Amino acid sequence: MSNALQSLLDLLDLEQIEEDIFRGRSRSAVVPRVFGGQVAAQALVAAGRTVPEDRPAHSLHAYFLRPGDPGAPIVYTVDRIRDGRSFTTRRVVAVQHGKPIFHLSASFQVHEDGLDHQEPMPASPDPVTLPTGEERLRGYGHLDPVVVEKFIEARAAVDLRYVDEPPYGRFGEPREPHSQVWFRTNGKLADDPLLHVVLATYVSDMTLLDSVLLAHGRGGWAVGDVVGASLDHAMWFHRPFRADEWLLYDQESPSAHGGRGLGQARIYTQDGRLAITVIQEGVVRVPRERGTS
């Protein structure tokens, strides 16, 4: 296991300070606020620790309410909404400086047999044939070296490989609003289903709005031609998977309007099983020109 992955696992290992109350640490991200995927993952950890192990997570719905302060701890309070025969529901509120910054609802279900079908996995190259994220980033002479190092550090726990050029790699002309990324953790994980769901939740916030940027030829936060942040995030966990094995993140954007962009995606295992569906809306604004009101 890489040092970066162990550091991430330590970050997600919350301290329990009271029944149904947990405290998590924060760290800086590429932008000067707590990375949204970190807050979502920590909130899911808090919820999952109040649920029996035989009930894996099957969905989450979340709202990002305020930017997180990376210099302060985050307190997660779990509300036990429902404990039914098949389903368990939890609500989590994340608080910093006395104010809620994030709200999560998560549902867990005992295993059941039932109907089964899925959308087929789209074509994609073998991930081992693609350049690593670090190789791509270091090859872009137009990026600020400081930004490059921040990206590499922020994603060091994950082996994340773009199939095509990311928004910050080639921009200026619109492209198809579709992006594919292969990812897995940089090291093996324990056989804990919640841990794998939590790691996938963490990674899911890294690239989902890329397809919005591609549609408008924008390079994104790495080059400063947009400003943005996650607004809400939803995930459905369909089938078992491992976050330490290759997963294909197939992403697209059906709409952008009113300063918001929508991204939707499916995550497949390398052998073609549909594991997760993800939808996210975020603020995506074009910075105003200097001197304009």
C-alpha atoms as a PDB file:
ATOM      1  CA  MET A   1       0.000   0.000   0.000  1.00  0.00           C
ATOM      2  CA  SER A   2       1.321   3.452  -0.921  1.00  0.00           C
ATOM      3  CA  ASN A   3       1.950   6.053   1.782  1.00  0.00           C
ATOM      4  CA  ALA A   4      -0.588   8.309   0.064  1.00  0.00           C
ATOM      5  CA  LEU A   5      -3.304   5.648   0.252  1.00  0.00           C
ATOM      6  CA  GLN A   6      -2.554   4.951   3.913  1.00  0.00           C
ATOM      7  CA  SER A   7      -2.767   8.688   4.587  1.00  0.00           C
ATOM      8  CA  LEU A   8      -6.168   8.802   2.874  1.00  0.00           C
ATOM      9  CA  LEU A   9      -7.434   5.816   4.864  1.00  0.00           C
ATOM     10  CA  ASP A  10      -6.289   7.536   8.057  1.00  0.00           C
ATOM     11  CA  LEU A  11      -8.162  10.667   6.970  1.00  0.00           C
ATOM     12  CA  LEU A  12     -11.363   8.673   6.481  1.00  0.00           C
ATOM     13  CA  ASP A  13     -11.028   6.829   9.813  1.00  0.00           C
ATOM     14  CA  LEU A  14     -13.264   9.033  11.963  1.00  0.00           C
ATOM     15  CA  GLU A  15     -12.980   9.528  15.706  1.00  0.00           C
ATOM     16  CA  GLN A  16     -16.145   8.673  17.622  1.00  0.00           C
ATOM     17  CA  ILE A  17     -16.707  11.357  20.273  1.00  0.00           C
ATOM     18  CA  GLU A  18     -20.216  10.382  21.398  1.00  0.00           C
ATOM     19  CA  GLU A  19     -22.937   7.973  20.347  1.00  0.00           C
ATOM     20  CA  ASP A  20     -23.731   8.778  16.689  1.00  0.00           C
ATOM     21  CA  ILE A  21     -21.312  11.738  16.704  1.00  0.00           C
ATOM     22  CA  PHE A  22     -17.983  11.541  14.899  1.00  0.00           C
ATOM     23  CA  ARG A  23     -15.109  13.915  14.191  1.00  0.00           C
ATOM     24  CA  GLY A  24     -12.989  13.968  11.063  1.00  0.00           C
ATOM     25  CA  ARG A  25      -9.823  15.781  10.101  1.00  0.00           C
ATOM     26  CA  SER A  26      -9.493  17.883   6.966  1.00  0.00           C
ATOM     27  CA  ARG A  27      -6.718  18.694   4.560  1.00  0.00           C
ATOM     28  CA  SER A  28      -6.153  21.126   1.736  1.00  0.00           C
ATOM     29  CA  ALA A  29      -7.275  20.316  -1.781  1.00  0.00           C
ATOM     30  CA  VAL A  30      -6.457  21.726  -5.223  1.00  0.00           C
ATOM     31  CA  VAL A  31      -8.765  24.652  -4.424  1.00  0.00           C
ATOM     32  CA  PRO A  32      -8.658  26.492  -1.057  1.00  0.00           C
ATOM     33  CA  ARG A  33     -11.484  24.507   0.554  1.00  0.00           C
ATOM     34  CA  VAL A  34     -12.125  20.948   1.686  1.00  0.00           C
ATOM     35  CA  PHE A  35     -12.480  18.538  -1.240  1.00  0.00           C
ATOM     36  CA  GLY A  36     -16.140  17.593  -1.574  1.00  0.00           C
ATOM     37  CA  GLY A  37     -15.349  13.913  -2.087  1.00  0.00           C
ATOM     38  CA  GLN A  38     -13.638  13.873   1.301  1.00  0.00           C
ATOM     39  CA  VAL A  39     -16.694  15.236   3.113  1.00  0.00           C
ATOM     40  CA  ALA A  40     -19.042  12.838   1.294  1.00  0.00           C
ATOM     41  CA  ALA A  41     -16.797   9.863   2.049  1.00  0.00           C
ATOM     42  CA  GLN A  42     -16.398  10.786   5.716  1.00  0.00           C
ATOM     43  CA  ALA A  43     -20.159  11.282   6.086  1.00  0.00           C
ATOM     44  CA  LEU A  44     -20.758   7.840   4.583  1.00  0.00           C
ATOM     45  CA  VAL A  45     -18.243   6.354   7.037  1.00  0.00           C
ATOM     46  CA  ALA A  46     -20.173   7.969   9.906  1.00  0.00           C
ATOM     47  CA  ALA A  47     -23.489   6.603   8.624  1.00  0.00           C
ATOM     48  CA  GLY A  48     -22.078   3.147   7.943  1.00  0.00           C
ATOM     49  CA  ARG A  49     -20.699   2.778  11.454  1.00  0.00           C
ATOM     50  CA  THR A  50     -24.231   2.909  12.847  1.00  0.00           C
ATOM     51  CA  VAL A  51     -25.545   0.170  10.514  1.00  0.00           C
ATOM     52  CA  PRO A  52     -25.192  -3.634  10.843  1.00  0.00           C
ATOM     53  CA  GLU A  53     -22.435  -5.087   8.664  1.00  0.00           C
ATOM     54  CA  ASP A  54     -24.892  -7.271   6.753  1.00  0.00           C
ATOM     55  CA  ARG A  55     -26.531  -4.157   5.233  1.00  0.00           C
ATOM     56  CA  PRO A  56     -24.286  -2.618   2.570  1.00  0.00           C
ATOM     57  CA  ALA A  57     -24.961   0.884   1.261  1.00  0.00           C
ATOM     58  CA  HIS A  58     -27.152   0.985  -1.835  1.00  0.00           C
ATOM     59  CA  SER A  59     -27.625   4.742  -2.312  1.00  0.00           C
ATOM     60  CA  LEU A  60     -26.708   8.201  -1.087  1.00  0.00           C
ATOM     61  CA  HIS A  61     -28.030  11.681  -1.771  1.00  0.00           C
ATOM     62  CA  ALA A  62     -26.076  14.711  -0.625  1.00  0.00           C
ATOM     63  CA  TYR A  63     -25.996  18.499  -0.696  1.00  0.00           C
ATOM     64  CA  PHE A  64     -22.916  20.666  -0.353  1.00  0.00           C
ATOM     65  CA  LEU A  65     -24.116  23.668   1.660  1.00  0.00           C
ATOM     66  CA  ARG A  66     -20.975  25.697   2.448  1.00  0.00           C
ATOM     67  CA  PRO A  67     -17.267  25.499   1.568  1.00  0.00           C
ATOM     68  CA  GLY A  68     -15.338  23.457   4.115  1.00  0.00           C
ATOM     69  CA  ASP A  69     -12.416  24.954   6.046  1.00  0.00           C
ATOM     70  CA  PRO A  70      -9.381  22.658   5.600  1.00  0.00           C
ATOM     71  CA  GLY A  71      -7.843  24.045   8.782  1.00  0.00           C
ATOM     72  CA  ALA A  72     -10.641  22.888  11.075  1.00  0.00           C
ATOM     73  CA  PRO A  73     -12.111  19.510  12.072  1.00  0.00           C
ATOM     74  CA  ILE A  74     -15.563  18.468  10.843  1.00  0.00           C
ATOM     75  CA  VAL A  75     -18.181  17.056  13.221  1.00  0.00           C
ATOM     76  CA  TYR A  76     -20.613  14.501  11.766  1.00  0.00           C
ATOM     77  CA  THR A  77     -23.911  13.874  13.542  1.00  0.00           C
ATOM     78  CA  VAL A  78     -25.879  10.768  12.516  1.00  0.00           C
ATOM     79  CA  ASP A  79     -29.662  10.609  12.770  1.00  0.00           C
ATOM     80  CA  ARG A  80     -31.060   7.053  12.772  1.00  0.00           C
ATOM     81  CA  ILE A  81     -34.076   7.699  10.570  1.00  0.00           C
ATOM     82  CA  ARG A  82     -35.236   4.109  10.078  1.00  0.00           C
ATOM     83  CA  ASP A  83     -34.265   0.530  10.866  1.00  0.00           C
ATOM     84  CA  GLY A  84     -36.588  -1.718   8.881  1.00  0.00           C
ATOM     85  CA  ARG A  85     -36.541  -5.424   8.130  1.00  0.00           C
ATOM     86  CA  SER A  86     -34.797  -4.892   4.779  1.00  0.00           C
ATOM     87  CA  PHE A  87     -33.698  -1.244   4.652  1.00  0.00           C
ATOM     88  CA  THR A  88     -31.868   1.089   7.014  1.00  0.00           C
ATOM     89  CA  THR A  89     -31.816   4.865   6.509  1.00  0.00           C
ATOM     90  CA  ARG A  90     -29.397   7.365   8.003  1.00  0.00           C
ATOM     91  CA  ARG A  91     -29.118  11.140   7.802  1.00  0.00           C
ATOM     92  CA  VAL A  92     -25.784  12.845   8.458  1.00  0.00           C
ATOM     93  CA  VAL A  93     -25.096  16.539   8.981  1.00  0.00           C
ATOM     94  CA  ALA A  94     -21.491  17.797   8.798  1.00  0.00           C
ATOM     95  CA  VAL A  95     -20.754  20.903  10.875  1.00  0.00           C
ATOM     96  CA  GLN A  96     -17.842  23.329  11.006  1.00  0.00           C
ATOM     97  CA  HIS A  97     -17.643  26.515  13.077  1.00  0.00           C
ATOM     98  CA  GLY A  98     -21.185  25.902  14.308  1.00  0.00           C
ATOM     99  CA  LYS A  99     -22.731  25.806  10.828  1.00  0.00           C
ATOM    100  CA  PRO A 100     -23.779  22.888   8.605  1.00  0.00           C
ATOM    101  CA  ILE A 101     -21.570  22.522   5.532  1.00  0.00           C
ATOM    102  CA  PHE A 102     -22.925  19.239   4.148  1.00  0.00           C
ATOM    103  CA  HIS A 103     -25.998  17.023   4.378  1.00  0.00           C
ATOM    104  CA  LEU A 104     -26.166  13.332   3.460  1.00  0.00           C
ATOM    105  CA  SER A 105     -28.974  10.795   3.343  1.00  0.00           C
ATOM    106  CA  ALA A 106     -27.869   7.191   2.878  1.00  0.00           C
ATOM    107  CA  SER A 107     -29.795   3.934   2.566  1.00  0.00           C
ATOM    108  CA  PHE A 108     -28.555   0.431   3.335  1.00  0.00           C
ATOM    109  CA  GLN A 109     -30.151  -2.920   2.443  1.00  0.00           C
ATOM    110  CA  VAL A 110     -29.773  -6.576   3.331  1.00  0.00           C
ATOM    111  CA  HIS A 111     -28.849  -8.758   0.358  1.00  0.00           C
ATOM    112  CA  GLU A 112     -31.829  -9.946  -1.696  1.00  0.00           C
ATOM    113  CA  ASP A 113     -32.187 -11.978  -4.876  1.00  0.00           C
ATOM    114  CA  GLY A 114     -34.298 -10.456  -7.632  1.00  0.00           C
ATOM    115  CA  LEU A 115     -34.576  -9.298 -11.243  1.00  0.00           C
ATOM    116  CA  ASP A 116     -31.274  -8.472 -12.901  1.00  0.00           C
ATOM    117  CA  HIS A 117     -30.341  -6.481 -16.019  1.00  0.00           C
ATOM    118  CA  GLN A 118     -27.941  -3.655 -16.851  1.00  0.00           C
ATOM    119  CA  GLU A 119     -26.785  -1.248 -19.534  1.00  0.00           C
ATOM    120  CA  PRO A 120     -23.821  -2.830 -21.370  1.00  0.00           C
ATOM    121  CA  MET A 121     -20.348  -1.508 -20.668  1.00  0.00           C
ATOM    122  CA  PRO A 122     -19.134   0.911 -23.370  1.00  0.00           C
ATOM    123  CA  ALA A 123     -15.965   0.288 -25.336  1.00  0.00           C
ATOM    124  CA  SER A 124     -12.781   1.543 -23.682  1.00  0.00           C
ATOM    125  CA  PRO A 125      -9.057   0.770 -23.979  1.00  0.00           C
ATOM    126  CA  ASP A 126      -7.243  -1.364 -21.422  1.00  0.00           C
ATOM    127  CA  PRO A 127      -6.243   0.968 -18.558  1.00  0.00           C
ATOM    128  CA  VAL A 128      -2.666  -0.328 -18.423  1.00  0.00           C
ATOM    129  CA  THR A 129      -2.110   1.024 -21.955  1.00  0.00           C
ATOM    130  CA  LEU A 130      -2.962   4.594 -20.856  1.00  0.00           C
ATOM    131  CA  PRO A 131      -0.595   7.171 -19.351  1.00  0.00           C
ATOM    132  CA  THR A 132      -0.855   7.666 -15.611  1.00  0.00           C
ATOM    133  CA  GLY A 133      -2.305  10.867 -14.248  1.00  0.00           C
ATOM    134  CA  GLU A 134       1.137  12.065 -13.195  1.00  0.00           C
ATOM    135  CA  GLU A 135       2.597  11.356 -16.642  1.00  0.00           C
ATOM    136  CA  ARG A 136      -0.168  13.390 -18.293  1.00  0.00           C
ATOM    137  CA  LEU A 137       0.102  16.309 -15.884  1.00  0.00           C
ATOM    138  CA  ARG A 138       3.882  16.600 -16.157  1.00  0.00           C
ATOM    139  CA  GLY A 139       3.571  16.626 -19.945  1.00  0.00           C
ATOM    140  CA  TYR A 140       1.506  19.838 -20.072  1.00  0.00           C
ATOM    141  CA  GLY A 141       3.851  22.791 -20.425  1.00  0.00           C
ATOM    142  CA  HIS A 142       0.965  25.295 -20.351  1.00  0.00           C
ATOM    143  CA  LEU A 143      -0.021  24.424 -16.779  1.00  0.00           C
ATOM    144  CA  ASP A 144       1.353  26.261 -13.758  1.00  0.00           C
ATOM    145  CA  PRO A 145       3.893  23.895 -12.122  1.00  0.00           C
ATOM    146  CA  VAL A 146       2.408  24.720  -8.721  1.00  0.00           C
ATOM    147  CA  VAL A 147      -1.026  23.590  -9.911  1.00  0.00           C
ATOM    148  CA  VAL A 148       0.469  20.422 -11.393  1.00  0.00           C
ATOM    149  CA  GLU A 149       2.076  19.501  -8.072  1.00  0.00           C
ATOM    150  CA  LYS A 150      -1.184  20.182  -6.208  1.00  0.00           C
ATOM    151  CA  PHE A 151      -3.087  17.887  -8.565  1.00  0.00           C
ATOM    152  CA  ILE A 152      -0.483  15.132  -8.246  1.00  0.00           C
ATOM    153  CA  GLU A 153      -0.467  15.376  -4.445  1.00  0.00           C
ATOM    154  CA  ALA A 154      -4.279  15.485  -4.195  1.00  0.00           C
ATOM    155  CA  ARG A 155      -4.670  12.349  -6.350  1.00  0.00           C
ATOM    156  CA  ALA A 156      -1.631  10.382  -5.173  1.00  0.00           C
ATOM    157  CA  ALA A 157      -3.752   7.755  -3.400  1.00  0.00           C
ATOM    158  CA  VAL A 158      -5.541   6.893  -6.645  1.00  0.00           C
ATOM    159  CA  ASP A 159      -4.273   5.613  -9.984  1.00  0.00           C
ATOM    160  CA  LEU A 160      -6.537   7.697 -12.250  1.00  0.00           C
ATOM    161  CA  ARG A 161      -6.094   7.471 -16.026  1.00  0.00           C
ATOM    162  CA  TYR A 162      -7.973   9.515 -18.636  1.00  0.00           C
ATOM    163  CA  VAL A 163      -8.841   7.736 -21.874  1.00  0.00           C
ATOM    164  CA  ASP A 164      -8.648  11.038 -23.810  1.00  0.00           C
ATOM    165  CA  GLU A 165      -7.162  14.436 -23.044  1.00  0.00           C
ATOM    166  CA  PRO A 166      -8.685  15.938 -19.883  1.00  0.00           C
ATOM    167  CA  PRO A 167     -10.255  19.417 -20.097  1.00  0.00           C
ATOM    168  CA  TYR A 168      -7.087  21.128 -18.854  1.00  0.00           C
ATOM    169  CA  GLY A 169      -4.962  19.211 -21.349  1.00  0.00           C
ATOM    170  CA  ARG A 170      -6.661  20.511 -24.517  1.00  0.00           C
ATOM    171  CA  PHE A 171      -9.112  23.389 -24.402  1.00  0.00           C
ATOM    172  CA  GLY A 172     -10.314  26.340 -26.469  1.00  0.00           C
ATOM    173  CA  GLU A 173     -12.702  24.412 -28.722  1.00  0.00           C
ATOM    174  CA  PRO A 174     -15.844  22.508 -27.691  1.00  0.00           C
ATOM    175  CA  ARG A 175     -15.664  18.738 -27.648  1.00  0.00           C
ATOM    176  CA  GLU A 176     -18.198  15.989 -27.157  1.00  0.00           C
ATOM    177  CA  PRO A 177     -19.500  16.218 -23.561  1.00  0.00           C
ATOM    178  CA  HIS A 178     -18.259  12.729 -22.744  1.00  0.00           C
ATOM    179  CA  SER A 179     -15.274  11.592 -20.710  1.00  0.00           C
ATOM    180  CA  GLN A 180     -13.898   8.239 -19.621  1.00  0.00           C
ATOM    181  CA  VAL A 181     -11.549   7.653 -16.711  1.00  0.00           C
ATOM    182  CA  TRP A 182     -10.172   4.401 -15.322  1.00  0.00           C
ATOM    183  CA  PHE A 183      -9.323   4.383 -11.625  1.00  0.00           C
ATOM    184  CA  ARG A 184      -8.276   2.182  -8.729  1.00  0.00           C
ATOM    185  CA  THR A 185      -6.570   2.835  -5.407  1.00  0.00           C
ATOM    186  CA  ASN A 186      -2.773   2.782  -5.301  1.00  0.00           C
ATOM    187  CA  GLY A 187      -2.660  -0.336  -3.153  1.00  0.00           C
ATOM    188  CA  LYS A 188      -4.824  -3.173  -1.897  1.00  0.00           C
ATOM    189  CA  LEU A 189      -7.673  -2.581   0.519  1.00  0.00           C
ATOM    190  CA  ALA A 190      -9.144  -4.718   3.275  1.00  0.00           C
ATOM    191  CA  ASP A 191     -12.159  -6.905   2.490  1.00  0.00           C
ATOM    192  CA  ASP A 192     -14.626  -4.401   3.940  1.00  0.00           C
ATOM    193  CA  PRO A 193     -17.519  -3.588   1.562  1.00  0.00           C
ATOM    194  CA  LEU A 194     -18.149  -0.208   3.227  1.00  0.00           C
ATOM    195  CA  LEU A 195     -14.509   0.800   2.694  1.00  0.00           C
ATOM    196  CA  HIS A 196     -14.715   0.128  -1.051  1.00  0.00           C
ATOM    197  CA  VAL A 197     -17.968   2.101  -1.354  1.00  0.00           C
ATOM    198  CA  VAL A 198     -16.421   4.969   0.615  1.00  0.00           C
ATOM    199  CA  LEU A 199     -13.323   5.079  -1.621  1.00  0.00           C
ATOM    200  CA  ALA A 200     -15.477   5.081  -4.764  1.00  0.00           C
ATOM    201  CA  THR A 201     -17.505   7.938  -3.282  1.00  0.00           C
ATOM    202  CA  TYR A 202     -14.292   9.874  -2.645  1.00  0.00           C
ATOM    203  CA  VAL A 203     -13.054   9.440  -6.230  1.00  0.00           C
ATOM    204  CA  SER A 204     -16.463  10.089  -7.814  1.00  0.00           C
ATOM    205  CA  ASP A 205     -16.216  13.821  -7.062  1.00  0.00           C
ATOM    206  CA  MET A 206     -12.873  14.263  -8.846  1.00  0.00           C
ATOM    207  CA  THR A 207     -13.858  14.276 -12.513  1.00  0.00           C
ATOM    208  CA  LEU A 208     -17.646  14.148 -12.942  1.00  0.00           C
ATOM    209  CA  LEU A 209     -18.043  17.734 -14.139  1.00  0.00           C
ATOM    210  CA  ASP A 210     -15.277  17.325 -16.752  1.00  0.00           C
ATOM    211  CA  SER A 211     -17.874  16.595 -19.425  1.00  0.00           C
ATOM    212  CA  VAL A 212     -19.527  19.973 -18.750  1.00  0.00           C
ATOM    213  CA  LEU A 213     -16.192  21.687 -19.397  1.00  0.00           C
ATOM    214  CA  LEU A 214     -15.548  19.681 -22.556  1.00  0.00           C
ATOM    215  CA  ALA A 215     -18.856  20.810 -24.081  1.00  0.00           C
ATOM    216  CA  HIS A 216     -17.702  24.429 -23.891  1.00  0.00           C
ATOM    217  CA  GLY A 217     -13.981  24.078 -24.550  1.00  0.00           C
ATOM    218  CA  ARG A 218     -13.081  25.080 -21.012  1.00  0.00           C
ATOM    219  CA  GLY A 219      -9.959  23.902 -19.216  1.00  0.00           C
ATOM    220  CA  GLY A 220     -11.475  24.194 -15.761  1.00  0.00           C
ATOM    221  CA  TRP A 221     -10.116  25.058 -12.346  1.00  0.00           C
ATOM    222  CA  ALA A 222      -6.588  23.997 -13.359  1.00  0.00           C
ATOM    223  CA  VAL A 223      -6.317  26.911 -15.819  1.00  0.00           C
ATOM    224  CA  GLY A 224      -8.771  29.322 -14.192  1.00  0.00           C
ATOM    225  CA  ASP A 225     -11.242  29.754 -17.061  1.00  0.00           C
ATOM    226  CA  VAL A 226     -14.174  28.674 -14.860  1.00  0.00           C
ATOM    227  CA  VAL A 227     -15.015  28.801 -11.187  1.00  0.00           C
ATOM    228  CA  GLY A 228     -17.144  26.090  -9.702  1.00  0.00           C
ATOM    229  CA  ALA A 229     -18.119  23.816  -6.863  1.00  0.00           C
ATOM    230  CA  SER A 230     -20.274  20.755  -6.278  1.00  0.00           C
ATOM    231  CA  LEU A 231     -23.891  21.460  -5.340  1.00  0.00           C
ATOM    232  CA  ASP A 232     -25.452  18.039  -4.926  1.00  0.00           C
ATOM    233  CA  HIS A 233     -24.348  14.469  -5.467  1.00  0.00           C
ATOM    234  CA  ALA A 234     -26.228  11.179  -5.747  1.00  0.00           C
ATOM    235  CA  MET A 235     -24.958   7.605  -6.080  1.00  0.00           C
ATOM    236  CA  TRP A 236     -26.619   4.210  -6.444  1.00  0.00           C
ATOM    237  CA  PHE A 237     -24.517   1.118  -5.687  1.00  0.00           C
ATOM    238  CA  HIS A 238     -25.909  -1.691  -7.839  1.00  0.00           C
ATOM    239  CA  ARG A 239     -23.445  -4.562  -7.557  1.00  0.00           C
ATOM    240  CA  PRO A 240     -20.423  -5.483  -5.420  1.00  0.00           C
ATOM    241  CA  PHE A 241     -17.059  -4.131  -6.550  1.00  0.00           C
ATOM    242  CA  ARG A 242     -13.571  -3.442  -5.271  1.00  0.00           C
ATOM    243  CA  ALA A 243     -12.091   0.048  -5.375  1.00  0.00           C
ATOM    244  CA  ASP A 244      -8.585  -1.458  -5.537  1.00  0.00           C
ATOM    245  CA  GLU A 245      -9.393  -3.076  -8.894  1.00  0.00           C
ATOM    246  CA  TRP A 246      -9.864  -1.174 -12.164  1.00  0.00           C
ATOM    247  CA  LEU A 247     -13.186   0.665 -12.516  1.00  0.00           C
ATOM    248  CA  LEU A 248     -14.318   2.516 -15.646  1.00  0.00           C
ATOM    249  CA  TYR A 249     -15.940   5.902 -14.927  1.00  0.00           C
ATOM    250  CA  ASP A 250     -17.990   6.709 -18.041  1.00  0.00           C
ATOM    251  CA  GLN A 251     -19.221  10.320 -17.738  1.00  0.00           C
ATOM    252  CA  GLU A 252     -21.372  12.697 -19.771  1.00  0.00           C
ATOM    253  CA  SER A 253     -23.177  16.006 -19.421  1.00  0.00           C
ATOM    254  CA  PRO A 254     -26.759  16.324 -20.709  1.00  0.00           C
ATOM    255  CA  SER A 255     -27.183  19.971 -19.717  1.00  0.00           C
ATOM    256  CA  ALA A 256     -25.616  23.212 -18.497  1.00  0.00           C
ATOM    257  CA  HIS A 257     -27.700  26.319 -17.799  1.00  0.00           C
ATOM    258  CA  GLY A 258     -28.048  29.149 -15.297  1.00  0.00           C
ATOM    259  CA  GLY A 259     -24.516  28.879 -13.934  1.00  0.00           C
ATOM    260  CA  ARG A 260     -24.973  25.157 -13.231  1.00  0.00           C
ATOM    261  CA  GLY A 261     -23.774  22.053 -15.033  1.00  0.00           C
ATOM    262  CA  LEU A 262     -25.078  18.493 -14.739  1.00  0.00           C
ATOM    263  CA  GLY A 263     -22.894  15.408 -14.947  1.00  0.00           C
ATOM    264  CA  GLN A 264     -24.106  11.815 -14.987  1.00  0.00           C
ATOM    265  CA  ALA A 265     -22.068   8.641 -15.109  1.00  0.00           C
ATOM    266  CA  ARG A 266     -21.892   4.890 -14.812  1.00  0.00           C
ATOM    267  CA  ILE A 267     -19.051   3.038 -13.139  1.00  0.00           C
ATOM    268  CA  TYR A 268     -18.235  -0.462 -14.416  1.00  0.00           C
ATOM    269  CA  THR A 269     -15.930  -3.191 -13.189  1.00  0.00           C
ATOM    270  CA  GLN A 270     -13.268  -4.265 -15.664  1.00  0.00           C
ATOM    271  CA  ASP A 271     -15.226  -7.427 -16.463  1.00  0.00           C
ATOM    272  CA  GLY A 272     -18.261  -5.361 -17.492  1.00  0.00           C
ATOM    273  CA  ARG A 273     -20.570  -5.327 -14.471  1.00  0.00           C
ATOM    274  CA  LEU A 274     -22.430  -2.060 -13.822  1.00  0.00           C
ATOM    275  CA  ALA A 275     -21.430  -1.242 -10.247  1.00  0.00           C
ATOM    276  CA  ILE A 276     -22.518   2.374  -9.646  1.00  0.00           C
ATOM    277  CA  THR A 277     -24.600   5.167 -11.153  1.00  0.00           C
ATOM    278  CA  VAL A 278     -23.637   8.752 -10.265  1.00  0.00           C
ATOM    279  CA  ILE A 279     -25.328  12.111 -10.876  1.00  0.00           C
ATOM    280  CA  GLN A 280     -23.978  15.477  -9.786  1.00  0.00           C
ATOM    281  CA  GLU A 281     -24.854  19.112 -10.379  1.00  0.00           C
ATOM    282  CA  GLY A 282     -22.331  21.827  -9.761  1.00  0.00           C
ATOM    283  CA  VAL A 283     -21.807  25.550 -10.059  1.00  0.00           C
ATOM    284  CA  VAL A 284     -19.877  26.222 -13.278  1.00  0.00           C
ATOM    285  CA  ARG A 285     -19.388  29.929 -13.885  1.00  0.00           C
ATOM    286  CA  VAL A 286     -17.242  31.856 -16.323  1.00  0.00           C
ATOM    287  CA  PRO A 287     -15.191  34.479 -14.443  1.00  0.00           C
ATOM    288  CA  ARG A 288     -16.156  38.041 -15.153  1.00  0.00           C
ATOM    289  CA  GLU A 289     -13.730  40.169 -17.124  1.00  0.00           C
ATOM    290  CA  ARG A 290     -11.866  42.738 -15.076  1.00  0.00           C
ATOM    291  CA  GLY A 291     -13.519  46.102 -15.149  1.00  0.00           C
ATOM    292  CA  THR A 292     -17.039  44.701 -15.698  1.00  0.00           C
ATOM    293  CA  SER A 293     -19.740  45.122 -13.099  1.00  0.00           C
END
